[in-house]
Amino acid sequence: MSRRTPAHWSRRGPLALALLAPAGLYAVLTALRRLAYRRGWLASERLPVPVVVVGNISVGGTGKTPLLAMLAEALKARGYRPGLIARGYGGRSTHWPRLVDADSDPLEVGDEPVLLAGLTGCPMAVGPDRPAAARRLLAEHPELDLLLADDGLQHYRLARDLEIAVIDGRRRHGNGWLLPAGPLREPVSRLATVDFVVINGEGGGVQPGEYAMRVEGDTCVNLADPTLTRPLTAFRGPGRCLHALAGIGDPQKFFASLEAAGLAFERHPFADHHACRPDELDFGPGTTTLMTGKDAVKCRGFPGNQARWWLAVQAVTEPDLAAALAARLPPPRSAAET
């Protein structure tokens, strides 16, 4: 079953207006909590290495995962040794924090962390207590000189050196109201306090000082044999029985990318972080299935994966966000040691 974004989040209609009272209460509580951290009434934990938080101010997928993967690779190329931390949303583990690698169980630690660990090869730890996850990661990997935090823009217990807010270019801020009247976790004015604003995709335009981002990819990887790849265009053609599934924040983005490549397919949108079962991928003999990388990590080991593929994507930013980020960071420890 697909989880749709509530329709009232996109416009200021009667239902959104009816929810303004609880949204006002949410706004007061959010402002008081942030004030408490700014004034020191609630303590933030400062770590011995710089922390960069990549998050958003709205509910729903905005493209943080491919951006984090791109930043990790670009910073490694500049001599940094980054580690990754995340909440592990969707993970069912009862023992936190947890270290994550490409072979971890996504049902235990979350699908996005497993995908990120596989894409980047960076050490990673997850847990609802992000400072605790960071401490464990640094204890296990003292060579790390930088931490990239997946989400957590509102997790003020973890002190951060730089903040990156990612915004969906098509949806932007919806109706501009806070939860539950709108999609915002924090008011739009919060963006004035972050260090970088990234607009993912077209729709609302890019304002001065913002970074344009696009997610692109034209190579598919086989689920049964990761060494086997095909160009996306190989799945074109009449008479092909093609299915596409996406359990991400905005499945339509994935489907739109397949349509742009000229593919005809049957859509199967699922809720974000949906744990697929083998029977949900059984579309009959002679069928081929395409999915996102986030879905692929949960479908590893399923029977019939020889006919299933996932689309590898990468984020591109203009101007170069990684270069701007590195210019704001201390030099990598390897450079300082020489």
C-alpha atoms as a PDB file:
ATOM      1  CA  MET A   1       0.000   0.000   0.000  1.00  0.00           C
ATOM      2  CA  SER A   2       1.376   3.406  -0.938  1.00  0.00           C
ATOM      3  CA  ARG A   3       1.523   6.103   1.692  1.00  0.00           C
ATOM      4  CA  ARG A   4       0.390   9.328   0.067  1.00  0.00           C
ATOM      5  CA  THR A   5       1.353  12.785   1.191  1.00  0.00           C
ATOM      6  CA  PRO A   6      -1.758  14.348   2.766  1.00  0.00           C
ATOM      7  CA  ALA A   7      -3.473  16.506   0.152  1.00  0.00           C
ATOM      8  CA  HIS A   8      -4.068  19.337   2.604  1.00  0.00           C
ATOM      9  CA  TRP A   9      -0.305  19.847   2.983  1.00  0.00           C
ATOM     10  CA  SER A  10      -0.137  21.339  -0.512  1.00  0.00           C
ATOM     11  CA  ARG A  11      -2.812  24.013  -0.082  1.00  0.00           C
ATOM     12  CA  ARG A  12      -4.400  26.167   2.584  1.00  0.00           C
ATOM     13  CA  GLY A  13      -7.841  24.640   2.388  1.00  0.00           C
ATOM     14  CA  PRO A  14     -10.500  23.894   5.018  1.00  0.00           C
ATOM     15  CA  LEU A  15      -8.748  20.859   6.518  1.00  0.00           C
ATOM     16  CA  ALA A  16      -5.413  22.680   6.855  1.00  0.00           C
ATOM     17  CA  LEU A  17      -7.212  25.617   8.461  1.00  0.00           C
ATOM     18  CA  ALA A  18      -8.941  23.262  10.913  1.00  0.00           C
ATOM     19  CA  LEU A  19      -5.526  21.986  12.004  1.00  0.00           C
ATOM     20  CA  LEU A  20      -3.985  25.399  12.638  1.00  0.00           C
ATOM     21  CA  ALA A  21      -4.589  25.188  16.390  1.00  0.00           C
ATOM     22  CA  PRO A  22      -2.493  22.022  16.921  1.00  0.00           C
ATOM     23  CA  ALA A  23       0.034  23.415  14.419  1.00  0.00           C
ATOM     24  CA  GLY A  24       0.283  26.530  16.583  1.00  0.00           C
ATOM     25  CA  LEU A  25       0.945  24.412  19.656  1.00  0.00           C
ATOM     26  CA  TYR A  26       3.565  22.460  17.716  1.00  0.00           C
ATOM     27  CA  ALA A  27       5.174  25.758  16.683  1.00  0.00           C
ATOM     28  CA  VAL A  28       5.382  26.960  20.301  1.00  0.00           C
ATOM     29  CA  LEU A  29       6.870  23.683  21.534  1.00  0.00           C
ATOM     30  CA  THR A  30       9.381  23.612  18.664  1.00  0.00           C
ATOM     31  CA  ALA A  31      10.465  27.202  19.321  1.00  0.00           C
ATOM     32  CA  LEU A  32      10.811  26.606  23.073  1.00  0.00           C
ATOM     33  CA  ARG A  33      12.899  23.495  22.516  1.00  0.00           C
ATOM     34  CA  ARG A  34      15.250  25.268  20.145  1.00  0.00           C
ATOM     35  CA  LEU A  35      15.502  28.217  22.541  1.00  0.00           C
ATOM     36  CA  ALA A  36      16.363  25.838  25.373  1.00  0.00           C
ATOM     37  CA  TYR A  37      19.337  24.503  23.414  1.00  0.00           C
ATOM     38  CA  ARG A  38      20.471  27.978  22.338  1.00  0.00           C
ATOM     39  CA  ARG A  39      20.394  29.243  25.930  1.00  0.00           C
ATOM     40  CA  GLY A  40      22.081  26.134  27.296  1.00  0.00           C
ATOM     41  CA  TRP A  41      19.080  25.005  29.366  1.00  0.00           C
ATOM     42  CA  LEU A  42      19.343  21.754  27.427  1.00  0.00           C
ATOM     43  CA  ALA A  43      22.838  20.519  26.667  1.00  0.00           C
ATOM     44  CA  SER A  44      24.248  19.747  23.232  1.00  0.00           C
ATOM     45  CA  GLU A  45      27.153  17.331  23.036  1.00  0.00           C
ATOM     46  CA  ARG A  46      30.228  18.532  21.172  1.00  0.00           C
ATOM     47  CA  LEU A  47      32.350  15.810  19.553  1.00  0.00           C
ATOM     48  CA  PRO A  48      36.122  15.892  18.981  1.00  0.00           C
ATOM     49  CA  VAL A  49      35.704  16.010  15.177  1.00  0.00           C
ATOM     50  CA  PRO A  50      33.618  18.341  12.981  1.00  0.00           C
ATOM     51  CA  VAL A  51      29.986  17.324  12.449  1.00  0.00           C
ATOM     52  CA  VAL A  52      28.033  18.173   9.283  1.00  0.00           C
ATOM     53  CA  VAL A  53      24.272  17.585   9.444  1.00  0.00           C
ATOM     54  CA  VAL A  54      22.358  16.959   6.219  1.00  0.00           C
ATOM     55  CA  GLY A  55      18.628  17.253   6.849  1.00  0.00           C
ATOM     56  CA  ASN A  56      15.421  19.017   5.942  1.00  0.00           C
ATOM     57  CA  ILE A  57      12.656  21.072   7.510  1.00  0.00           C
ATOM     58  CA  SER A  58       9.786  19.104   5.966  1.00  0.00           C
ATOM     59  CA  VAL A  59       8.363  15.608   6.146  1.00  0.00           C
ATOM     60  CA  GLY A  60       9.042  13.313   3.198  1.00  0.00           C
ATOM     61  CA  GLY A  61      11.957  12.376   0.992  1.00  0.00           C
ATOM     62  CA  THR A  62      14.060  15.217  -0.349  1.00  0.00           C
ATOM     63  CA  GLY A  63      17.116  13.358  -1.689  1.00  0.00           C
ATOM     64  CA  LYS A  64      19.416  13.363   1.331  1.00  0.00           C
ATOM     65  CA  THR A  65      20.762   9.851   0.714  1.00  0.00           C
ATOM     66  CA  PRO A  66      22.340  10.446  -2.739  1.00  0.00           C
ATOM     67  CA  LEU A  67      23.626  13.827  -1.542  1.00  0.00           C
ATOM     68  CA  LEU A  68      25.304  12.260   1.494  1.00  0.00           C
ATOM     69  CA  ALA A  69      26.881   9.586  -0.689  1.00  0.00           C
ATOM     70  CA  MET A  70      28.219  12.224  -3.081  1.00  0.00           C
ATOM     71  CA  LEU A  71      29.614  14.373  -0.264  1.00  0.00           C
ATOM     72  CA  ALA A  72      31.288  11.398   1.418  1.00  0.00           C
ATOM     73  CA  GLU A  73      33.033  10.388  -1.802  1.00  0.00           C
ATOM     74  CA  ALA A  74      34.059  13.951  -2.649  1.00  0.00           C
ATOM     75  CA  LEU A  75      35.446  14.581   0.826  1.00  0.00           C
ATOM     76  CA  LYS A  76      37.384  11.308   0.763  1.00  0.00           C
ATOM     77  CA  ALA A  77      38.918  12.436  -2.519  1.00  0.00           C
ATOM     78  CA  ARG A  78      40.067  15.591  -0.716  1.00  0.00           C
ATOM     79  CA  GLY A  79      41.851  13.577   1.983  1.00  0.00           C
ATOM     80  CA  TYR A  80      39.159  13.426   4.669  1.00  0.00           C
ATOM     81  CA  ARG A  81      38.233  10.235   6.484  1.00  0.00           C
ATOM     82  CA  PRO A  82      34.501  10.675   7.068  1.00  0.00           C
ATOM     83  CA  GLY A  83      32.192   8.519   9.120  1.00  0.00           C
ATOM     84  CA  LEU A  84      28.411   8.445   8.876  1.00  0.00           C
ATOM     85  CA  ILE A  85      25.780   8.487  11.606  1.00  0.00           C
ATOM     86  CA  ALA A  86      21.993   8.202  11.392  1.00  0.00           C
ATOM     87  CA  ARG A  87      18.974   7.393  13.489  1.00  0.00           C
ATOM     88  CA  GLY A  88      18.394   4.049  11.768  1.00  0.00           C
ATOM     89  CA  TYR A  89      14.767   4.839  11.034  1.00  0.00           C
ATOM     90  CA  GLY A  90      12.740   1.704  10.386  1.00  0.00           C
ATOM     91  CA  GLY A  91      15.286  -0.560  12.088  1.00  0.00           C
ATOM     92  CA  ARG A  92      13.866  -3.035  14.587  1.00  0.00           C
ATOM     93  CA  SER A  93      16.969  -3.550  16.688  1.00  0.00           C
ATOM     94  CA  THR A  94      16.554  -3.408  20.452  1.00  0.00           C
ATOM     95  CA  HIS A  95      20.272  -2.814  21.020  1.00  0.00           C
ATOM     96  CA  TRP A  96      21.479   0.667  20.078  1.00  0.00           C
ATOM     97  CA  PRO A  97      23.778   2.084  18.877  1.00  0.00           C
ATOM     98  CA  ARG A  98      24.711  -0.307  16.097  1.00  0.00           C
ATOM     99  CA  LEU A  99      27.597  -0.358  13.667  1.00  0.00           C
ATOM    100  CA  VAL A 100      26.528  -0.726  10.041  1.00  0.00           C
ATOM    101  CA  ASP A 101      28.197  -2.067   6.921  1.00  0.00           C
ATOM    102  CA  ALA A 102      27.016  -3.092   3.477  1.00  0.00           C
ATOM    103  CA  ASP A 103      26.070  -6.577   4.721  1.00  0.00           C
ATOM    104  CA  SER A 104      24.016  -5.451   7.726  1.00  0.00           C
ATOM    105  CA  ASP A 105      20.371  -6.447   7.993  1.00  0.00           C
ATOM    106  CA  PRO A 106      18.254  -3.464   6.888  1.00  0.00           C
ATOM    107  CA  LEU A 107      15.344  -4.748   8.965  1.00  0.00           C
ATOM    108  CA  GLU A 108      17.541  -4.365  12.043  1.00  0.00           C
ATOM    109  CA  VAL A 109      19.359  -1.089  11.340  1.00  0.00           C
ATOM    110  CA  GLY A 110      17.290   0.607   8.620  1.00  0.00           C
ATOM    111  CA  ASP A 111      17.446   0.525   4.834  1.00  0.00           C
ATOM    112  CA  GLU A 112      19.086   3.902   4.181  1.00  0.00           C
ATOM    113  CA  PRO A 113      22.098   3.227   6.468  1.00  0.00           C
ATOM    114  CA  VAL A 114      22.795  -0.094   4.741  1.00  0.00           C
ATOM    115  CA  LEU A 115      22.540   1.577   1.351  1.00  0.00           C
ATOM    116  CA  LEU A 116      24.837   4.432   2.413  1.00  0.00           C
ATOM    117  CA  ALA A 117      27.406   2.062   3.892  1.00  0.00           C
ATOM    118  CA  GLY A 118      27.459   0.100   0.652  1.00  0.00           C
ATOM    119  CA  LEU A 119      27.655   3.153  -1.599  1.00  0.00           C
ATOM    120  CA  THR A 120      30.403   4.936   0.313  1.00  0.00           C
ATOM    121  CA  GLY A 121      32.399   2.266   2.133  1.00  0.00           C
ATOM    122  CA  CYS A 122      32.514   4.671   5.088  1.00  0.00           C
ATOM    123  CA  PRO A 123      32.280   3.445   8.686  1.00  0.00           C
ATOM    124  CA  MET A 124      28.765   4.022   9.981  1.00  0.00           C
ATOM    125  CA  ALA A 125      26.806   3.827  13.223  1.00  0.00           C
ATOM    126  CA  VAL A 126      23.097   4.282  13.862  1.00  0.00           C
ATOM    127  CA  GLY A 127      20.832   4.784  16.837  1.00  0.00           C
ATOM    128  CA  PRO A 128      18.056   7.039  18.148  1.00  0.00           C
ATOM    129  CA  ASP A 129      20.665   8.650  20.434  1.00  0.00           C
ATOM    130  CA  ARG A 130      22.879  10.210  17.772  1.00  0.00           C
ATOM    131  CA  PRO A 131      25.627  11.405  20.166  1.00  0.00           C
ATOM    132  CA  ALA A 132      25.903   7.847  21.508  1.00  0.00           C
ATOM    133  CA  ALA A 133      26.103   6.483  17.963  1.00  0.00           C
ATOM    134  CA  ALA A 134      28.835   9.017  17.155  1.00  0.00           C
ATOM    135  CA  ARG A 135      30.814   8.129  20.280  1.00  0.00           C
ATOM    136  CA  ARG A 136      30.722   4.440  19.447  1.00  0.00           C
ATOM    137  CA  LEU A 137      31.748   5.081  15.855  1.00  0.00           C
ATOM    138  CA  LEU A 138      34.718   7.208  16.920  1.00  0.00           C
ATOM    139  CA  ALA A 139      35.747   4.619  19.518  1.00  0.00           C
ATOM    140  CA  GLU A 140      35.750   1.893  16.862  1.00  0.00           C
ATOM    141  CA  HIS A 141      37.347   4.118  14.195  1.00  0.00           C
ATOM    142  CA  PRO A 142      39.678   6.674  15.813  1.00  0.00           C
ATOM    143  CA  GLU A 143      41.088   7.499  12.373  1.00  0.00           C
ATOM    144  CA  LEU A 144      37.924   9.404  11.427  1.00  0.00           C
ATOM    145  CA  ASP A 145      38.318  13.178  11.200  1.00  0.00           C
ATOM    146  CA  LEU A 146      34.778  14.161  10.159  1.00  0.00           C
ATOM    147  CA  LEU A 147      31.207  12.971  10.742  1.00  0.00           C
ATOM    148  CA  LEU A 148      28.323  13.344   8.307  1.00  0.00           C
ATOM    149  CA  ALA A 149      24.925  13.042   9.994  1.00  0.00           C
ATOM    150  CA  ASP A 150      22.012  11.753   7.927  1.00  0.00           C
ATOM    151  CA  ASP A 151      18.983  13.822   8.911  1.00  0.00           C
ATOM    152  CA  GLY A 152      18.926  15.192  12.460  1.00  0.00           C
ATOM    153  CA  LEU A 153      18.546  18.875  11.595  1.00  0.00           C
ATOM    154  CA  GLN A 154      16.114  19.002  14.530  1.00  0.00           C
ATOM    155  CA  HIS A 155      18.217  16.701  16.770  1.00  0.00           C
ATOM    156  CA  TYR A 156      19.863  19.467  18.764  1.00  0.00           C
ATOM    157  CA  ARG A 157      21.438  17.152  21.332  1.00  0.00           C
ATOM    158  CA  LEU A 158      24.195  16.653  18.786  1.00  0.00           C
ATOM    159  CA  ALA A 159      26.225  19.835  18.339  1.00  0.00           C
ATOM    160  CA  ARG A 160      27.038  20.517  14.731  1.00  0.00           C
ATOM    161  CA  ASP A 161      29.606  22.633  12.913  1.00  0.00           C
ATOM    162  CA  LEU A 162      27.742  22.986   9.620  1.00  0.00           C
ATOM    163  CA  GLU A 163      24.158  22.400   8.488  1.00  0.00           C
ATOM    164  CA  ILE A 164      22.857  21.533   5.022  1.00  0.00           C
ATOM    165  CA  ALA A 165      19.108  21.711   4.368  1.00  0.00           C
ATOM    166  CA  VAL A 166      17.771  19.784   1.366  1.00  0.00           C
ATOM    167  CA  ILE A 167      14.473  20.883  -0.207  1.00  0.00           C
ATOM    168  CA  ASP A 168      12.383  19.102  -2.815  1.00  0.00           C
ATOM    169  CA  GLY A 169      12.238  21.474  -5.763  1.00  0.00           C
ATOM    170  CA  ARG A 170       8.765  20.374  -6.843  1.00  0.00           C
ATOM    171  CA  ARG A 171       7.002  20.385  -3.472  1.00  0.00           C
ATOM    172  CA  ARG A 172       9.147  23.094  -1.826  1.00  0.00           C
ATOM    173  CA  HIS A 173       7.409  23.895   1.493  1.00  0.00           C
ATOM    174  CA  GLY A 174       3.905  22.784   0.562  1.00  0.00           C
ATOM    175  CA  ASN A 175       1.381  25.181   2.055  1.00  0.00           C
ATOM    176  CA  GLY A 176       4.086  26.668   4.298  1.00  0.00           C
ATOM    177  CA  TRP A 177       2.479  25.585   7.582  1.00  0.00           C
ATOM    178  CA  LEU A 178       3.820  23.421  10.382  1.00  0.00           C
ATOM    179  CA  LEU A 179       2.637  19.926  11.250  1.00  0.00           C
ATOM    180  CA  PRO A 180      -0.106  18.777  11.229  1.00  0.00           C
ATOM    181  CA  ALA A 181      -1.611  21.621   9.150  1.00  0.00           C
ATOM    182  CA  GLY A 182       1.299  21.428   6.719  1.00  0.00           C
ATOM    183  CA  PRO A 183       4.451  19.383   6.029  1.00  0.00           C
ATOM    184  CA  LEU A 184       6.973  21.513   7.951  1.00  0.00           C
ATOM    185  CA  ARG A 185       8.901  20.322  10.988  1.00  0.00           C
ATOM    186  CA  GLU A 186      10.257  23.828  11.505  1.00  0.00           C
ATOM    187  CA  PRO A 187       9.244  27.198  10.032  1.00  0.00           C
ATOM    188  CA  VAL A 188      10.732  28.326   6.719  1.00  0.00           C
ATOM    189  CA  SER A 189      12.656  30.999   8.643  1.00  0.00           C
ATOM    190  CA  ARG A 190      14.859  28.166   9.956  1.00  0.00           C
ATOM    191  CA  LEU A 191      16.556  28.074   6.546  1.00  0.00           C
ATOM    192  CA  ALA A 192      18.130  31.458   7.268  1.00  0.00           C
ATOM    193  CA  THR A 193      20.203  29.819  10.012  1.00  0.00           C
ATOM    194  CA  VAL A 194      21.633  26.881   8.042  1.00  0.00           C
ATOM    195  CA  ASP A 195      24.918  27.068   6.151  1.00  0.00           C
ATOM    196  CA  PHE A 196      23.805  25.603   2.813  1.00  0.00           C
ATOM    197  CA  VAL A 197      20.402  25.244   1.152  1.00  0.00           C
ATOM    198  CA  VAL A 198      20.149  22.623  -1.599  1.00  0.00           C
ATOM    199  CA  ILE A 199      17.190  22.475  -4.008  1.00  0.00           C
ATOM    200  CA  ASN A 200      16.710  18.967  -5.375  1.00  0.00           C
ATOM    201  CA  GLY A 201      15.058  18.954  -8.792  1.00  0.00           C
ATOM    202  CA  GLU A 202      13.109  21.496 -10.746  1.00  0.00           C
ATOM    203  CA  GLY A 203       9.900  23.194  -9.831  1.00  0.00           C
ATOM    204  CA  GLY A 204      10.424  26.150  -7.537  1.00  0.00           C
ATOM    205  CA  GLY A 205      13.571  27.597  -9.066  1.00  0.00           C
ATOM    206  CA  VAL A 206      16.867  28.228  -7.319  1.00  0.00           C
ATOM    207  CA  GLN A 207      17.331  31.476  -5.428  1.00  0.00           C
ATOM    208  CA  PRO A 208      20.665  33.308  -5.048  1.00  0.00           C
ATOM    209  CA  GLY A 209      22.845  31.514  -2.524  1.00  0.00           C
ATOM    210  CA  GLU A 210      21.091  28.164  -3.005  1.00  0.00           C
ATOM    211  CA  TYR A 211      22.615  25.087  -4.619  1.00  0.00           C
ATOM    212  CA  ALA A 212      20.826  23.278  -7.433  1.00  0.00           C
ATOM    213  CA  MET A 213      20.893  19.497  -7.226  1.00  0.00           C
ATOM    214  CA  ARG A 214      19.844  16.782  -9.608  1.00  0.00           C
ATOM    215  CA  VAL A 215      19.874  13.023  -9.168  1.00  0.00           C
ATOM    216  CA  GLU A 216      20.885  11.129 -12.274  1.00  0.00           C
ATOM    217  CA  GLY A 217      21.707   7.581 -13.245  1.00  0.00           C
ATOM    218  CA  ASP A 218      21.587   5.360 -16.316  1.00  0.00           C
ATOM    219  CA  THR A 219      23.028   2.066 -15.049  1.00  0.00           C
ATOM    220  CA  CYS A 220      21.060  -0.795 -13.511  1.00  0.00           C
ATOM    221  CA  VAL A 221      22.619  -3.425 -11.228  1.00  0.00           C
ATOM    222  CA  ASN A 222      21.374  -6.991 -11.005  1.00  0.00           C
ATOM    223  CA  LEU A 223      20.158  -8.093  -7.567  1.00  0.00           C
ATOM    224  CA  ALA A 224      21.381 -11.679  -7.942  1.00  0.00           C
ATOM    225  CA  ASP A 225      24.786 -10.750  -9.387  1.00  0.00           C
ATOM    226  CA  PRO A 226      26.017  -7.212  -8.557  1.00  0.00           C
ATOM    227  CA  THR A 227      28.802  -7.546 -11.113  1.00  0.00           C
ATOM    228  CA  LEU A 228      26.161  -7.673 -13.844  1.00  0.00           C
ATOM    229  CA  THR A 229      25.015  -4.248 -15.069  1.00  0.00           C
ATOM    230  CA  ARG A 230      22.894  -2.943 -17.927  1.00  0.00           C
ATOM    231  CA  PRO A 231      22.141   0.533 -19.246  1.00  0.00           C
ATOM    232  CA  LEU A 232      18.681   1.753 -18.360  1.00  0.00           C
ATOM    233  CA  THR A 233      17.832   2.013 -22.046  1.00  0.00           C
ATOM    234  CA  ALA A 234      18.234  -1.780 -22.349  1.00  0.00           C
ATOM    235  CA  PHE A 235      14.822  -2.127 -20.705  1.00  0.00           C
ATOM    236  CA  ARG A 236      13.008  -0.259 -23.481  1.00  0.00           C
ATOM    237  CA  GLY A 237      11.039  -2.013 -26.143  1.00  0.00           C
ATOM    238  CA  PRO A 238       7.559  -3.217 -27.061  1.00  0.00           C
ATOM    239  CA  GLY A 239       6.291  -6.450 -25.581  1.00  0.00           C
ATOM    240  CA  ARG A 240       8.518  -6.241 -22.509  1.00  0.00           C
ATOM    241  CA  CYS A 241       6.666  -6.955 -19.272  1.00  0.00           C
ATOM    242  CA  LEU A 242       8.332  -4.433 -17.012  1.00  0.00           C
ATOM    243  CA  HIS A 243       7.417  -3.584 -13.414  1.00  0.00           C
ATOM    244  CA  ALA A 244       8.830  -0.787 -11.272  1.00  0.00           C
ATOM    245  CA  LEU A 245       8.580  -0.529  -7.501  1.00  0.00           C
ATOM    246  CA  ALA A 246       9.642   2.202  -5.115  1.00  0.00           C
ATOM    247  CA  GLY A 247       9.369   2.346  -1.337  1.00  0.00           C
ATOM    248  CA  ILE A 248      10.797   5.833  -0.907  1.00  0.00           C
ATOM    249  CA  GLY A 249       9.532   9.206   0.281  1.00  0.00           C
ATOM    250  CA  ASP A 250       8.413  10.229  -3.224  1.00  0.00           C
ATOM    251  CA  PRO A 251       7.965   7.162  -5.469  1.00  0.00           C
ATOM    252  CA  GLN A 252       6.808   9.340  -8.364  1.00  0.00           C
ATOM    253  CA  LYS A 253      10.320  10.748  -8.725  1.00  0.00           C
ATOM    254  CA  PHE A 254      11.658   7.285  -9.455  1.00  0.00           C
ATOM    255  CA  PHE A 255       8.851   6.510 -11.871  1.00  0.00           C
ATOM    256  CA  ALA A 256       9.375   9.847 -13.627  1.00  0.00           C
ATOM    257  CA  SER A 257      13.063   9.052 -14.168  1.00  0.00           C
ATOM    258  CA  LEU A 258      12.132   5.756 -15.826  1.00  0.00           C
ATOM    259  CA  GLU A 259       9.566   7.470 -18.020  1.00  0.00           C
ATOM    260  CA  ALA A 260      12.146  10.069 -19.039  1.00  0.00           C
ATOM    261  CA  ALA A 261      14.352   7.199 -20.233  1.00  0.00           C
ATOM    262  CA  GLY A 262      11.544   6.003 -22.498  1.00  0.00           C
ATOM    263  CA  LEU A 263      10.456   2.976 -20.454  1.00  0.00           C
ATOM    264  CA  ALA A 264       6.901   1.628 -20.288  1.00  0.00           C
ATOM    265  CA  PHE A 265       6.107  -0.176 -17.037  1.00  0.00           C
ATOM    266  CA  GLU A 266       3.561  -0.961 -14.353  1.00  0.00           C
ATOM    267  CA  ARG A 267       3.970   1.103 -11.179  1.00  0.00           C
ATOM    268  CA  HIS A 268       4.117  -0.323  -7.656  1.00  0.00           C
ATOM    269  CA  PRO A 269       4.496   2.494  -5.102  1.00  0.00           C
ATOM    270  CA  PHE A 270       5.038   1.505  -1.479  1.00  0.00           C
ATOM    271  CA  ALA A 271       5.299   3.431   1.755  1.00  0.00           C
ATOM    272  CA  ASP A 272       8.712   4.850   2.629  1.00  0.00           C
ATOM    273  CA  HIS A 273      10.920   2.187   4.289  1.00  0.00           C
ATOM    274  CA  HIS A 274       8.442  -0.542   3.335  1.00  0.00           C
ATOM    275  CA  ALA A 275       9.855  -4.003   4.075  1.00  0.00           C
ATOM    276  CA  CYS A 276       9.092  -5.922   0.892  1.00  0.00           C
ATOM    277  CA  ARG A 277       8.064  -9.569   1.006  1.00  0.00           C
ATOM    278  CA  PRO A 278       8.999 -12.015  -1.773  1.00  0.00           C
ATOM    279  CA  ASP A 279       5.351 -12.452  -2.773  1.00  0.00           C
ATOM    280  CA  GLU A 280       5.043  -8.685  -3.360  1.00  0.00           C
ATOM    281  CA  LEU A 281       7.668  -8.981  -6.094  1.00  0.00           C
ATOM    282  CA  ASP A 282       6.142 -12.007  -7.785  1.00  0.00           C
ATOM    283  CA  PHE A 283       4.693 -10.470 -10.930  1.00  0.00           C
ATOM    284  CA  GLY A 284       4.627 -13.719 -12.889  1.00  0.00           C
ATOM    285  CA  PRO A 285       6.956 -15.523 -15.310  1.00  0.00           C
ATOM    286  CA  GLY A 286       8.748 -13.544 -17.965  1.00  0.00           C
ATOM    287  CA  THR A 287       8.609 -10.264 -16.051  1.00  0.00           C
ATOM    288  CA  THR A 288      11.434  -7.875 -15.204  1.00  0.00           C
ATOM    289  CA  THR A 289      11.482  -5.612 -12.174  1.00  0.00           C
ATOM    290  CA  LEU A 290      13.294  -2.319 -11.625  1.00  0.00           C
ATOM    291  CA  MET A 291      13.620  -0.750  -8.182  1.00  0.00           C
ATOM    292  CA  THR A 292      15.564   1.823  -6.191  1.00  0.00           C
ATOM    293  CA  GLY A 293      18.777   1.069  -4.328  1.00  0.00           C
ATOM    294  CA  LYS A 294      16.931   1.622  -1.056  1.00  0.00           C
ATOM    295  CA  ASP A 295      14.511  -1.167  -1.975  1.00  0.00           C
ATOM    296  CA  ALA A 296      17.242  -3.427  -3.306  1.00  0.00           C
ATOM    297  CA  VAL A 297      19.038  -3.752   0.047  1.00  0.00           C
ATOM    298  CA  LYS A 298      15.812  -5.189   1.525  1.00  0.00           C
ATOM    299  CA  CYS A 299      15.264  -7.648  -1.322  1.00  0.00           C
ATOM    300  CA  ARG A 300      18.692  -9.267  -1.366  1.00  0.00           C
ATOM    301  CA  GLY A 301      18.478 -13.027  -1.251  1.00  0.00           C
ATOM    302  CA  PHE A 302      14.912 -13.232  -2.564  1.00  0.00           C
ATOM    303  CA  PRO A 303      14.254 -16.035  -5.076  1.00  0.00           C
ATOM    304  CA  GLY A 304      13.924 -14.839  -8.640  1.00  0.00           C
ATOM    305  CA  ASN A 305      16.365 -11.941  -8.300  1.00  0.00           C
ATOM    306  CA  GLN A 306      17.989 -12.767 -11.634  1.00  0.00           C
ATOM    307  CA  ALA A 307      15.173 -10.756 -13.248  1.00  0.00           C
ATOM    308  CA  ARG A 308      15.366  -7.851 -10.793  1.00  0.00           C
ATOM    309  CA  TRP A 309      17.537  -4.762 -11.108  1.00  0.00           C
ATOM    310  CA  TRP A 310      18.112  -1.553  -9.196  1.00  0.00           C
ATOM    311  CA  LEU A 311      18.965   1.830 -10.647  1.00  0.00           C
ATOM    312  CA  ALA A 312      22.253   3.289  -9.427  1.00  0.00           C
ATOM    313  CA  VAL A 313      22.047   7.066  -9.090  1.00  0.00           C
ATOM    314  CA  GLN A 314      24.324   9.901  -8.037  1.00  0.00           C
ATOM    315  CA  ALA A 315      23.759  13.478  -6.952  1.00  0.00           C
ATOM    316  CA  VAL A 316      25.225  16.425  -8.839  1.00  0.00           C
ATOM    317  CA  THR A 317      25.186  19.934  -7.380  1.00  0.00           C
ATOM    318  CA  GLU A 318      25.757  23.286  -9.041  1.00  0.00           C
ATOM    319  CA  PRO A 319      27.818  25.078  -7.871  1.00  0.00           C
ATOM    320  CA  ASP A 320      30.079  22.418  -6.372  1.00  0.00           C
ATOM    321  CA  LEU A 321      28.721  21.934  -2.855  1.00  0.00           C
ATOM    322  CA  ALA A 322      31.537  19.588  -1.816  1.00  0.00           C
ATOM    323  CA  ALA A 323      34.147  22.233  -2.635  1.00  0.00           C
ATOM    324  CA  ALA A 324      32.231  24.883  -0.693  1.00  0.00           C
ATOM    325  CA  LEU A 325      31.820  22.520   2.241  1.00  0.00           C
ATOM    326  CA  ALA A 326      35.506  21.607   2.323  1.00  0.00           C
ATOM    327  CA  ALA A 327      36.394  25.310   2.317  1.00  0.00           C
ATOM    328  CA  ARG A 328      34.425  25.706   5.562  1.00  0.00           C
ATOM    329  CA  LEU A 329      36.004  22.692   7.284  1.00  0.00           C
ATOM    330  CA  PRO A 330      39.371  22.328   9.023  1.00  0.00           C
ATOM    331  CA  PRO A 331      41.925  20.591   6.808  1.00  0.00           C
ATOM    332  CA  PRO A 332      41.883  16.788   6.908  1.00  0.00           C
ATOM    333  CA  ARG A 333      43.887  15.255   9.720  1.00  0.00           C
ATOM    334  CA  SER A 334      46.227  13.587   7.223  1.00  0.00           C
ATOM    335  CA  ALA A 335      47.201  17.026   5.879  1.00  0.00           C
ATOM    336  CA  ALA A 336      47.718  18.411   9.355  1.00  0.00           C
ATOM    337  CA  GLU A 337      49.970  15.484  10.271  1.00  0.00           C
ATOM    338  CA  THR A 338      52.341  16.069   7.338  1.00  0.00           C
END
